[in-house]
C-alpha atoms as a PDB file:
ATOM      1  CA  MET A   1     -14.067  38.004 -16.266  1.00  0.00           C
ATOM      2  CA  PRO A   2     -13.101  37.396 -12.591  1.00  0.00           C
ATOM      3  CA  GLU A   3     -11.034  34.344 -11.768  1.00  0.00           C
ATOM      4  CA  PRO A   4     -13.078  31.580 -10.089  1.00  0.00           C
ATOM      5  CA  LYS A   5     -12.380  31.216  -6.396  1.00  0.00           C
ATOM      6  CA  SER A   6     -11.510  27.764  -5.038  1.00  0.00           C
ATOM      7  CA  PRO A   7     -13.630  27.143  -1.936  1.00  0.00           C
ATOM      8  CA  ASP A   8     -11.822  26.626   1.346  1.00  0.00           C
ATOM      9  CA  PRO A   9     -12.506  23.099   2.665  1.00  0.00           C
ATOM     10  CA  LYS A  10     -14.599  23.026   5.822  1.00  0.00           C
ATOM     11  CA  THR A  11     -13.709  20.510   8.523  1.00  0.00           C
ATOM     12  CA  ILE A  12     -17.308  19.436   9.087  1.00  0.00           C
ATOM     13  CA  VAL A  13     -17.710  18.697   5.377  1.00  0.00           C
ATOM     14  CA  LEU A  14     -14.404  16.801   5.173  1.00  0.00           C
ATOM     15  CA  LEU A  15     -15.316  14.617   8.147  1.00  0.00           C
ATOM     16  CA  PHE A  16     -19.039  14.005   7.817  1.00  0.00           C
ATOM     17  CA  HIS A  17     -20.133  14.714   4.228  1.00  0.00           C
ATOM     18  CA  TRP A  18     -20.665  11.679   2.025  1.00  0.00           C
ATOM     19  CA  GLN A  19     -21.327  11.642  -1.697  1.00  0.00           C
ATOM     20  CA  ALA A  20     -24.422  10.228  -3.355  1.00  0.00           C
ATOM     21  CA  GLY A  21     -22.996   9.708  -6.843  1.00  0.00           C
ATOM     22  CA  TRP A  22     -22.717   6.342  -8.511  1.00  0.00           C
ATOM     23  CA  VAL A  23     -18.917   6.229  -8.103  1.00  0.00           C
ATOM     24  CA  GLY A  24     -19.178   6.799  -4.357  1.00  0.00           C
ATOM     25  CA  LEU A  25     -21.998   4.313  -3.907  1.00  0.00           C
ATOM     26  CA  LEU A  26     -20.092   1.693  -5.887  1.00  0.00           C
ATOM     27  CA  ALA A  27     -16.977   2.314  -3.775  1.00  0.00           C
ATOM     28  CA  VAL A  28     -18.977   1.881  -0.562  1.00  0.00           C
ATOM     29  CA  ALA A  29     -20.594  -1.324  -1.843  1.00  0.00           C
ATOM     30  CA  LEU A  30     -17.219  -2.811  -2.816  1.00  0.00           C
ATOM     31  CA  SER A  31     -15.696  -1.721   0.494  1.00  0.00           C
ATOM     32  CA  LEU A  32     -18.451  -3.400   2.493  1.00  0.00           C
ATOM     33  CA  ALA A  33     -18.158  -6.559   0.388  1.00  0.00           C
ATOM     34  CA  SER A  34     -14.385  -6.726   0.873  1.00  0.00           C
ATOM     35  CA  LEU A  35     -14.699  -6.197   4.635  1.00  0.00           C
ATOM     36  CA  ALA A  36     -17.371  -8.902   4.852  1.00  0.00           C
ATOM     37  CA  TRP A  37     -15.181 -11.348   2.912  1.00  0.00           C
ATOM     38  CA  TYR A  38     -12.109 -10.550   5.016  1.00  0.00           C
ATOM     39  CA  ALA A  39     -13.972 -11.000   8.298  1.00  0.00           C
ATOM     40  CA  THR A  40     -15.451 -14.296   7.094  1.00  0.00           C
ATOM     41  CA  ALA A  41     -12.049 -15.588   5.957  1.00  0.00           C
ATOM     42  CA  VAL A  42     -10.362 -14.659   9.244  1.00  0.00           C
ATOM     43  CA  ARG A  43     -13.159 -16.346  11.179  1.00  0.00           C
ATOM     44  CA  ARG A  44     -12.842 -19.470   9.018  1.00  0.00           C
ATOM     45  CA  LEU A  45      -9.108 -19.488   9.691  1.00  0.00           C
ATOM     46  CA  ALA A  46      -9.730 -19.241  13.439  1.00  0.00           C
ATOM     47  CA  PHE A  47     -12.183 -22.168  13.296  1.00  0.00           C
ATOM     48  CA  ALA A  48      -9.620 -24.254  11.405  1.00  0.00           C
ATOM     49  CA  ARG A  49      -6.995 -23.463  14.035  1.00  0.00           C
ATOM     50  CA  GLU A  50      -9.348 -24.424  16.853  1.00  0.00           C
ATOM     51  CA  ALA A  51     -10.087 -27.675  15.034  1.00  0.00           C
ATOM     52  CA  GLY A  52      -6.384 -28.517  15.165  1.00  0.00           C
ATOM     53  CA  ALA A  53      -5.279 -27.830  11.595  1.00  0.00           C
ATOM     54  CA  ALA A  54      -1.514 -28.279  11.681  1.00  0.00           C
ATOM     55  CA  THR A  55      -0.780 -25.746   8.932  1.00  0.00           C
ATOM     56  CA  THR A  56      -2.952 -22.969  10.345  1.00  0.00           C
ATOM     57  CA  ARG A  57      -1.247 -20.116  12.164  1.00  0.00           C
ATOM     58  CA  LYS A  58      -2.860 -17.426  14.276  1.00  0.00           C
ATOM     59  CA  TRP A  59      -3.911 -14.447  12.179  1.00  0.00           C
ATOM     60  CA  SER A  60      -2.517 -11.252  13.675  1.00  0.00           C
ATOM     61  CA  PRO A  61      -5.072  -8.618  14.744  1.00  0.00           C
ATOM     62  CA  TYR A  62      -2.657  -5.955  13.473  1.00  0.00           C
ATOM     63  CA  THR A  63      -2.851  -7.513  10.017  1.00  0.00           C
ATOM     64  CA  THR A  64      -6.639  -7.365  10.162  1.00  0.00           C
ATOM     65  CA  ALA A  65      -6.573  -3.781  11.428  1.00  0.00           C
ATOM     66  CA  SER A  66      -4.295  -2.718   8.552  1.00  0.00           C
ATOM     67  CA  PHE A  67      -6.678  -4.108   5.952  1.00  0.00           C
ATOM     68  CA  VAL A  68      -9.767  -2.605   7.617  1.00  0.00           C
ATOM     69  CA  VAL A  69      -8.194   0.851   7.893  1.00  0.00           C
ATOM     70  CA  GLY A  70      -7.003   0.649   4.283  1.00  0.00           C
ATOM     71  CA  VAL A  71     -10.510  -0.173   3.050  1.00  0.00           C
ATOM     72  CA  LEU A  72     -12.030   2.625   5.150  1.00  0.00           C
ATOM     73  CA  VAL A  73      -9.534   5.176   3.819  1.00  0.00           C
ATOM     74  CA  LEU A  74     -10.240   3.974   0.282  1.00  0.00           C
ATOM     75  CA  ALA A  75     -13.977   4.401   0.803  1.00  0.00           C
ATOM     76  CA  TYR A  76     -13.351   7.880   2.197  1.00  0.00           C
ATOM     77  CA  VAL A  77     -11.244   8.871  -0.817  1.00  0.00           C
ATOM     78  CA  PHE A  78     -13.988   7.913  -3.261  1.00  0.00           C
ATOM     79  CA  ASP A  79     -17.043   8.766  -1.194  1.00  0.00           C
ATOM     80  CA  GLY A  80     -16.068  10.974   1.744  1.00  0.00           C
ATOM     81  CA  GLY A  81     -15.951  14.691   2.267  1.00  0.00           C
ATOM     82  CA  ILE A  82     -12.605  15.013   0.520  1.00  0.00           C
ATOM     83  CA  ASN A  83     -14.332  13.915  -2.673  1.00  0.00           C
ATOM     84  CA  HIS A  84     -16.730  16.863  -2.308  1.00  0.00           C
ATOM     85  CA  TYR A  85     -13.924  19.325  -3.147  1.00  0.00           C
ATOM     86  CA  GLN A  86     -12.031  17.395  -5.825  1.00  0.00           C
ATOM     87  CA  ARG A  87     -13.464  19.526  -8.652  1.00  0.00           C
ATOM     88  CA  ASP A  88     -13.208  22.928  -6.955  1.00  0.00           C
ATOM     89  CA  ASN A  89     -10.066  22.722  -4.811  1.00  0.00           C
ATOM     90  CA  PHE A  90      -6.833  21.443  -6.323  1.00  0.00           C
ATOM     91  CA  THR A  91      -5.082  21.226  -2.963  1.00  0.00           C
ATOM     92  CA  THR A  92      -7.705  18.856  -1.593  1.00  0.00           C
ATOM     93  CA  HIS A  93      -7.589  16.809  -4.783  1.00  0.00           C
ATOM     94  CA  THR A  94      -3.823  16.535  -4.376  1.00  0.00           C
ATOM     95  CA  VAL A  95      -4.273  15.070  -0.886  1.00  0.00           C
ATOM     96  CA  GLN A  96      -6.797  12.650  -2.360  1.00  0.00           C
ATOM     97  CA  LEU A  97      -4.260  11.453  -4.934  1.00  0.00           C
ATOM     98  CA  LEU A  98      -1.515  11.076  -2.326  1.00  0.00           C
ATOM     99  CA  LEU A  99      -3.806   8.917  -0.194  1.00  0.00           C
ATOM    100  CA  LEU A 100      -4.247   6.633  -3.212  1.00  0.00           C
ATOM    101  CA  VAL A 101      -0.481   6.382  -3.704  1.00  0.00           C
ATOM    102  CA  TYR A 102       1.078   6.402  -0.226  1.00  0.00           C
ATOM    103  CA  VAL A 103      -1.611   5.369   2.279  1.00  0.00           C
ATOM    104  CA  VAL A 104      -4.221   2.964   0.908  1.00  0.00           C
ATOM    105  CA  PRO A 105      -1.918   0.495  -0.943  1.00  0.00           C
ATOM    106  CA  PRO A 106       0.567  -0.143   1.927  1.00  0.00           C
ATOM    107  CA  LEU A 107      -2.289  -0.587   4.407  1.00  0.00           C
ATOM    108  CA  LEU A 108      -4.020  -3.100   2.145  1.00  0.00           C
ATOM    109  CA  ALA A 109      -0.718  -4.876   1.458  1.00  0.00           C
ATOM    110  CA  ALA A 110      -0.047  -5.159   5.194  1.00  0.00           C
ATOM    111  CA  GLY A 111      -3.432  -6.874   5.477  1.00  0.00           C
ATOM    112  CA  SER A 112      -2.119  -9.794   3.344  1.00  0.00           C
ATOM    113  CA  PRO A 113      -5.377 -10.509   1.476  1.00  0.00           C
ATOM    114  CA  LEU A 114      -3.728 -12.814  -1.081  1.00  0.00           C
ATOM    115  CA  ARG A 115      -2.233 -14.965   1.666  1.00  0.00           C
ATOM    116  CA  LEU A 116      -5.627 -15.087   3.344  1.00  0.00           C
ATOM    117  CA  VAL A 117      -7.182 -16.314   0.084  1.00  0.00           C
ATOM    118  CA  LEU A 118      -4.578 -19.067  -0.200  1.00  0.00           C
ATOM    119  CA  LEU A 119      -5.131 -20.159   3.409  1.00  0.00           C
ATOM    120  CA  THR A 120      -8.929 -20.262   3.269  1.00  0.00           C
ATOM    121  CA  SER A 121      -9.873 -21.007  -0.340  1.00  0.00           C
ATOM    122  CA  ARG A 122     -10.447 -24.494  -1.622  1.00  0.00           C
ATOM    123  CA  GLY A 123     -10.923 -25.678  -5.173  1.00  0.00           C
ATOM    124  CA  VAL A 124     -10.821 -23.453  -8.241  1.00  0.00           C
ATOM    125  CA  ALA A 125     -10.182 -20.108  -6.521  1.00  0.00           C
ATOM    126  CA  GLY A 126      -7.131 -21.267  -4.579  1.00  0.00           C
ATOM    127  CA  ARG A 127      -5.599 -23.228  -7.462  1.00  0.00           C
ATOM    128  CA  GLY A 128      -6.236 -20.374  -9.888  1.00  0.00           C
ATOM    129  CA  LEU A 129      -4.494 -17.859  -7.631  1.00  0.00           C
ATOM    130  CA  VAL A 130      -1.508 -20.181  -7.168  1.00  0.00           C
ATOM    131  CA  ARG A 131      -1.176 -20.653 -10.942  1.00  0.00           C
ATOM    132  CA  PHE A 132      -1.400 -16.907 -11.493  1.00  0.00           C
ATOM    133  CA  LEU A 133       1.221 -16.076  -8.870  1.00  0.00           C
ATOM    134  CA  HIS A 134       3.641 -18.542 -10.473  1.00  0.00           C
ATOM    135  CA  SER A 135       3.020 -17.330 -14.036  1.00  0.00           C
ATOM    136  CA  ARG A 136       5.389 -15.146 -16.041  1.00  0.00           C
ATOM    137  CA  SER A 137       2.722 -12.501 -16.514  1.00  0.00           C
ATOM    138  CA  ALA A 138       2.320 -12.175 -12.736  1.00  0.00           C
ATOM    139  CA  ARG A 139       6.079 -11.792 -12.304  1.00  0.00           C
ATOM    140  CA  LEU A 140       6.034  -8.944 -14.815  1.00  0.00           C
ATOM    141  CA  VAL A 141       2.849  -7.199 -13.731  1.00  0.00           C
ATOM    142  CA  LEU A 142       3.495  -7.530  -9.995  1.00  0.00           C
ATOM    143  CA  HIS A 143       7.149  -6.529 -10.288  1.00  0.00           C
ATOM    144  CA  PRO A 144       7.781  -3.466  -8.073  1.00  0.00           C
ATOM    145  CA  ALA A 145       9.596  -1.655 -10.899  1.00  0.00           C
ATOM    146  CA  THR A 146       6.490  -2.000 -13.068  1.00  0.00           C
ATOM    147  CA  GLY A 147       4.345  -0.501 -10.343  1.00  0.00           C
ATOM    148  CA  PHE A 148       6.855   2.283  -9.695  1.00  0.00           C
ATOM    149  CA  VAL A 149       7.038   3.352 -13.347  1.00  0.00           C
ATOM    150  CA  CYS A 150       3.275   3.125 -13.874  1.00  0.00           C
ATOM    151  CA  THR A 151       2.498   5.065 -10.690  1.00  0.00           C
ATOM    152  CA  PHE A 152       4.603   8.103 -11.430  1.00  0.00           C
ATOM    153  CA  ALA A 153       3.902   7.993 -15.155  1.00  0.00           C
ATOM    154  CA  THR A 154       0.192   8.131 -14.298  1.00  0.00           C
ATOM    155  CA  LEU A 155       0.717  11.062 -11.922  1.00  0.00           C
ATOM    156  CA  TYR A 156       2.785  13.047 -14.435  1.00  0.00           C
ATOM    157  CA  VAL A 157       0.476  12.397 -17.377  1.00  0.00           C
ATOM    158  CA  TYR A 158      -2.655  13.059 -15.354  1.00  0.00           C
ATOM    159  CA  LEU A 159      -1.531  16.329 -13.779  1.00  0.00           C
ATOM    160  CA  LEU A 160       0.711  17.804 -16.492  1.00  0.00           C
ATOM    161  CA  THR A 161      -1.575  17.248 -19.481  1.00  0.00           C
ATOM    162  CA  PRO A 162      -5.140  18.375 -20.268  1.00  0.00           C
ATOM    163  CA  ILE A 163      -6.390  15.017 -18.926  1.00  0.00           C
ATOM    164  CA  TYR A 164      -6.812  16.512 -15.456  1.00  0.00           C
ATOM    165  CA  ALA A 165      -9.049  19.366 -16.619  1.00  0.00           C
ATOM    166  CA  THR A 166     -10.982  17.011 -18.894  1.00  0.00           C
ATOM    167  CA  SER A 167     -11.558  14.503 -16.102  1.00  0.00           C
ATOM    168  CA  GLU A 168     -13.250  17.179 -13.995  1.00  0.00           C
ATOM    169  CA  HIS A 169     -16.079  17.198 -16.556  1.00  0.00           C
ATOM    170  CA  HIS A 170     -16.198  13.414 -17.040  1.00  0.00           C
ATOM    171  CA  PRO A 171     -16.674  11.351 -13.844  1.00  0.00           C
ATOM    172  CA  VAL A 172     -15.883   8.073 -15.615  1.00  0.00           C
ATOM    173  CA  LEU A 173     -12.475   9.348 -16.755  1.00  0.00           C
ATOM    174  CA  LEU A 174     -11.754  10.719 -13.289  1.00  0.00           C
ATOM    175  CA  ALA A 175     -12.702   7.421 -11.614  1.00  0.00           C
ATOM    176  CA  TYR A 176     -10.561   5.502 -14.120  1.00  0.00           C
ATOM    177  CA  ALA A 177      -7.511   7.730 -13.499  1.00  0.00           C
ATOM    178  CA  GLN A 178      -7.853   7.268  -9.745  1.00  0.00           C
ATOM    179  CA  LEU A 179      -8.342   3.519 -10.098  1.00  0.00           C
ATOM    180  CA  GLN A 180      -5.280   3.212 -12.333  1.00  0.00           C
ATOM    181  CA  LEU A 181      -3.241   5.162  -9.802  1.00  0.00           C
ATOM    182  CA  LEU A 182      -4.446   2.897  -6.998  1.00  0.00           C
ATOM    183  CA  VAL A 183      -3.696  -0.340  -8.866  1.00  0.00           C
ATOM    184  CA  SER A 184      -0.255   0.689 -10.152  1.00  0.00           C
ATOM    185  CA  SER A 185       0.844   1.964  -6.733  1.00  0.00           C
ATOM    186  CA  GLY A 186      -0.519  -1.244  -5.248  1.00  0.00           C
ATOM    187  CA  PHE A 187       1.906  -3.275  -7.402  1.00  0.00           C
ATOM    188  CA  MET A 188       4.768  -1.193  -5.995  1.00  0.00           C
ATOM    189  CA  TRP A 189       3.736  -1.234  -2.337  1.00  0.00           C
ATOM    190  CA  TRP A 190       2.859  -4.944  -2.244  1.00  0.00           C
ATOM    191  CA  ALA A 191       6.519  -5.711  -2.848  1.00  0.00           C
ATOM    192  CA  ILE A 192       7.814  -2.958  -0.549  1.00  0.00           C
ATOM    193  CA  VAL A 193       5.679  -4.077   2.399  1.00  0.00           C
ATOM    194  CA  GLY A 194       6.596  -7.696   1.624  1.00  0.00           C
ATOM    195  CA  ARG A 195       4.049  -9.430   3.854  1.00  0.00           C
ATOM    196  CA  ASP A 196       1.683 -10.928   1.307  1.00  0.00           C
ATOM    197  CA  ALA A 197       2.019 -13.846  -1.100  1.00  0.00           C
ATOM    198  CA  LEU A 198       3.869 -12.591  -4.177  1.00  0.00           C
ATOM    199  CA  PRO A 199       5.648 -14.204  -7.161  1.00  0.00           C
ATOM    200  CA  ARG A 200       8.989 -12.879  -5.941  1.00  0.00           C
ATOM    201  CA  ALA A 201      10.273 -11.333  -2.730  1.00  0.00           C
ATOM    202  CA  ILE A 202      12.743  -8.457  -2.767  1.00  0.00           C
ATOM    203  CA  GLY A 203      15.315  -7.656  -0.135  1.00  0.00           C
ATOM    204  CA  PHE A 204      15.258  -4.681   2.176  1.00  0.00           C
ATOM    205  CA  GLY A 205      17.914  -2.946   0.089  1.00  0.00           C
ATOM    206  CA  TRP A 206      15.582  -2.797  -2.908  1.00  0.00           C
ATOM    207  CA  ARG A 207      12.663  -1.774  -0.712  1.00  0.00           C
ATOM    208  CA  PHE A 208      14.574   1.155   0.731  1.00  0.00           C
ATOM    209  CA  ALA A 209      15.784   2.099  -2.755  1.00  0.00           C
ATOM    210  CA  LEU A 210      12.261   2.164  -4.203  1.00  0.00           C
ATOM    211  CA  VAL A 211      10.957   4.398  -1.427  1.00  0.00           C
ATOM    212  CA  PHE A 212      13.955   6.749  -1.698  1.00  0.00           C
ATOM    213  CA  ALA A 213      13.566   6.872  -5.496  1.00  0.00           C
ATOM    214  CA  SER A 214      10.041   8.242  -5.166  1.00  0.00           C
ATOM    215  CA  VAL A 215      11.295  11.442  -3.484  1.00  0.00           C
ATOM    216  CA  PRO A 216      12.775  13.172  -6.561  1.00  0.00           C
ATOM    217  CA  PHE A 217       9.821  12.155  -8.732  1.00  0.00           C
ATOM    218  CA  ILE A 218       7.237  13.613  -6.377  1.00  0.00           C
ATOM    219  CA  GLY A 219       9.504  16.621  -5.770  1.00  0.00           C
ATOM    220  CA  PHE A 220      10.010  17.443  -9.453  1.00  0.00           C
ATOM    221  CA  LEU A 221       6.276  17.103 -10.050  1.00  0.00           C
ATOM    222  CA  GLY A 222       5.547  19.559  -7.253  1.00  0.00           C
ATOM    223  CA  VAL A 223       8.153  22.027  -8.539  1.00  0.00           C
ATOM    224  CA  ASP A 224       6.768  21.803 -12.075  1.00  0.00           C
ATOM    225  CA  ILE A 225       3.213  22.526 -10.923  1.00  0.00           C
ATOM    226  CA  ALA A 226       4.408  25.320  -8.606  1.00  0.00           C
ATOM    227  CA  ALA A 227       5.997  27.020 -11.624  1.00  0.00           C
ATOM    228  CA  ALA A 228       2.716  27.013 -13.579  1.00  0.00           C
ATOM    229  CA  SER A 229       1.563  30.431 -14.790  1.00  0.00           C
ATOM    230  CA  SER A 230      -2.092  29.422 -14.982  1.00  0.00           C
ATOM    231  CA  PRO A 231      -4.351  27.014 -13.076  1.00  0.00           C
ATOM    232  CA  LEU A 232      -4.311  23.378 -14.198  1.00  0.00           C
ATOM    233  CA  TYR A 233      -8.106  23.557 -14.226  1.00  0.00           C
ATOM    234  CA  PRO A 234      -9.010  27.166 -15.046  1.00  0.00           C
ATOM    235  CA  GLY A 235     -12.717  26.450 -14.837  1.00  0.00           C
ATOM    236  CA  GLY A 236     -12.624  25.547 -11.161  1.00  0.00           C
ATOM    237  CA  ASN A 237      -9.287  26.420  -9.510  1.00  0.00           C
ATOM    238  CA  THR A 238      -7.307  29.569  -8.883  1.00  0.00           C
ATOM    239  CA  LEU A 239      -3.610  29.951  -9.555  1.00  0.00           C
ATOM    240  CA  ALA A 240      -2.984  30.360  -5.811  1.00  0.00           C
ATOM    241  CA  ASP A 241      -4.804  27.085  -5.179  1.00  0.00           C
ATOM    242  CA  THR A 242      -2.697  25.381  -7.855  1.00  0.00           C
ATOM    243  CA  HIS A 243       0.540  26.593  -6.257  1.00  0.00           C
ATOM    244  CA  GLN A 244      -0.652  25.593  -2.798  1.00  0.00           C
ATOM    245  CA  GLY A 245      -1.542  22.139  -4.093  1.00  0.00           C
ATOM    246  CA  ALA A 246       1.957  21.810  -5.545  1.00  0.00           C
ATOM    247  CA  ASN A 247       3.512  22.639  -2.169  1.00  0.00           C
ATOM    248  CA  VAL A 248       1.244  20.126  -0.436  1.00  0.00           C
ATOM    249  CA  LEU A 249       2.133  17.542  -3.069  1.00  0.00           C
ATOM    250  CA  TRP A 250       5.851  17.464  -2.347  1.00  0.00           C
ATOM    251  CA  ALA A 251       5.638  18.260   1.381  1.00  0.00           C
ATOM    252  CA  LEU A 252       3.032  15.620   2.189  1.00  0.00           C
ATOM    253  CA  GLY A 253       4.719  13.200  -0.210  1.00  0.00           C
ATOM    254  CA  VAL A 254       8.010  13.550   1.660  1.00  0.00           C
ATOM    255  CA  LEU A 255       6.177  13.051   4.975  1.00  0.00           C
ATOM    256  CA  PHE A 256       4.665   9.804   3.695  1.00  0.00           C
ATOM    257  CA  VAL A 257       8.083   8.692   2.437  1.00  0.00           C
ATOM    258  CA  VAL A 258       9.638   9.302   5.871  1.00  0.00           C
ATOM    259  CA  SER A 259       6.820   7.281   7.453  1.00  0.00           C
ATOM    260  CA  ALA A 260       7.433   4.437   4.988  1.00  0.00           C
ATOM    261  CA  LEU A 261      11.177   4.494   5.681  1.00  0.00           C
ATOM    262  CA  THR A 262      10.505   4.356   9.426  1.00  0.00           C
ATOM    263  CA  TYR A 263       8.269   1.325   8.927  1.00  0.00           C
ATOM    264  CA  LEU A 264      10.895  -0.382   6.754  1.00  0.00           C
ATOM    265  CA  PHE A 265      13.641   0.297   9.287  1.00  0.00           C
ATOM    266  CA  ILE A 266      11.560  -1.278  12.064  1.00  0.00           C
ATOM    267  CA  GLU A 267      10.786  -4.311   9.891  1.00  0.00           C
ATOM    268  CA  TRP A 268      14.463  -4.643   8.930  1.00  0.00           C
ATOM    269  CA  ALA A 269      15.532  -4.491  12.587  1.00  0.00           C
ATOM    270  CA  ARG A 270      12.970  -7.176  13.493  1.00  0.00           C
ATOM    271  CA  GLU A 271      14.141  -9.383  10.644  1.00  0.00           C
ATOM    272  CA  GLU A 272      17.770  -9.026  11.725  1.00  0.00           C
ATOM    273  CA  GLN A 273      16.802  -9.901  15.301  1.00  0.00           C
ATOM    274  CA  ARG A 274      14.914 -12.985  14.092  1.00  0.00           C
ATOM    275  CA  ARG A 275      17.968 -14.051  12.080  1.00  0.00           C
ATOM    276  CA  ALA A 276      20.242 -13.581  15.090  1.00  0.00           C
ATOM    277  CA  ASP A 277      17.893 -15.600  17.319  1.00  0.00           C
ATOM    278  CA  ARG A 278      17.685 -18.345  14.684  1.00  0.00           C
ATOM    279  CA  ALA A 279      21.485 -18.454  14.391  1.00  0.00           C
ATOM    280  CA  ASP A 280      21.804 -18.693  18.179  1.00  0.00           C
ATOM    281  CA  ARG A 281      19.335 -21.579  18.307  1.00  0.00           C
ATOM    282  CA  GLN A 282      21.208 -23.418  15.547  1.00  0.00           C
ATOM    283  CA  LEU A 283      24.515 -22.894  17.345  1.00  0.00           C
ATOM    284  CA  ASP A 284      23.074 -24.148  20.634  1.00  0.00           C
ATOM    285  CA  ALA A 285      21.651 -27.214  18.873  1.00  0.00           C
ATOM    286  CA  ALA A 286      25.018 -27.917  17.248  1.00  0.00           C
ATOM    287  CA  LEU A 287      26.817 -27.673  20.586  1.00  0.00           C
ATOM    288  CA  VAL A 288      24.329 -30.027  22.235  1.00  0.00           C
ATOM    289  CA  ALA A 289      24.727 -32.511  19.374  1.00  0.00           C
ATOM    290  CA  ALA A 290      28.521 -32.300  19.597  1.00  0.00           C
ATOM    291  CA  ARG A 291      28.484 -33.037  23.321  1.00  0.00           C
ATOM    292  CA  SER A 292      26.158 -36.005  22.861  1.00  0.00           C
ATOM    293  CA  VAL A 293      28.456 -37.765  20.384  1.00  0.00           C
ATOM    294  CA  SER A 294      31.833 -36.973  22.008  1.00  0.00           C
ATOM    295  CA  PRO A 295      33.494 -40.011  23.739  1.00  0.00           C
ATOM    296  CA  PRO A 296      33.676 -40.031  27.551  1.00  0.00           C
ATOM    297  CA  PRO A 297      37.078 -39.043  28.949  1.00  0.00           C
ATOM    298  CA  GLY A 298      39.407 -42.036  29.525  1.00  0.00           C
ATOM    299  CA  PRO A 299      42.081 -42.611  32.197  1.00  0.00           C
ATOM    300  CA  SER A 300      45.168 -40.444  32.110  1.00  0.00           C
ATOM    301  CA  PRO A 301      48.292 -42.001  30.445  1.00  0.00           C
ATOM    302  CA  GLY A 302      50.145 -42.236  33.774  1.00  0.00           C
ATOM    303  CA  GLY A 303      47.266 -43.749  35.696  1.00  0.00           C
ATOM    304  CA  VAL A 304      47.051 -47.325  36.993  1.00  0.00           C
END
């Protein structure tokens, strides 16, 4: 029996083909709802600032753009042309998984949706979120180490066990695996990006360490799949496609890691500059205060 041939992705399909399945339609509906809520909250924040609310700061357009792009990429992953090939082309499916791990979560985290909820919500929603963020369960679940372990455990179990082949025949299992990967990586990236409201903030040293630590995990996974002697999904992929997907997995993963490290370095440099400026302002204020309280110079001892 001839080996099934994995179709080569076509650019026009990747860019303009959208799925009509229930998973894709649900993803689009949730994406539109989240964008509508975000736009409404930002507008409400702007109105409060115009009304003279003392605690309201200007919401950065870059923050809004990060959230919007993250939601659009998420909708594309679940409903776009890349989803068309997830059952027949392992390489494309690998890119889809990497987008869920390295692209969507940091973009959404940079959009600071939790902080936006706290700034615009009144009543039960705001108080409930504050209580949750200060709870022990939130500190455990939202801990970056928890997200790191769950993310790569999900990747290894999903790709190196029969779950991957089984999920290709069961859309609910496939959607659940992708959702679990998105949520667990979100816990990790929320702390690494460090812009949103979180139970605990971690320093740049830990952020750099977490990003660096992902390199060997994604590399070993790629090497393990590249050494496979048969396709991970024999019913739909070729062995050549499996090996190509493994190469894309570690190569694109390393590229995303370098991008994340570049972002962290820029943020670290900005934070150091802000600290230096703050220290200079404090020193200037101390010098001004010292001059204001020093006694005026008196006559010299030999003067008349």
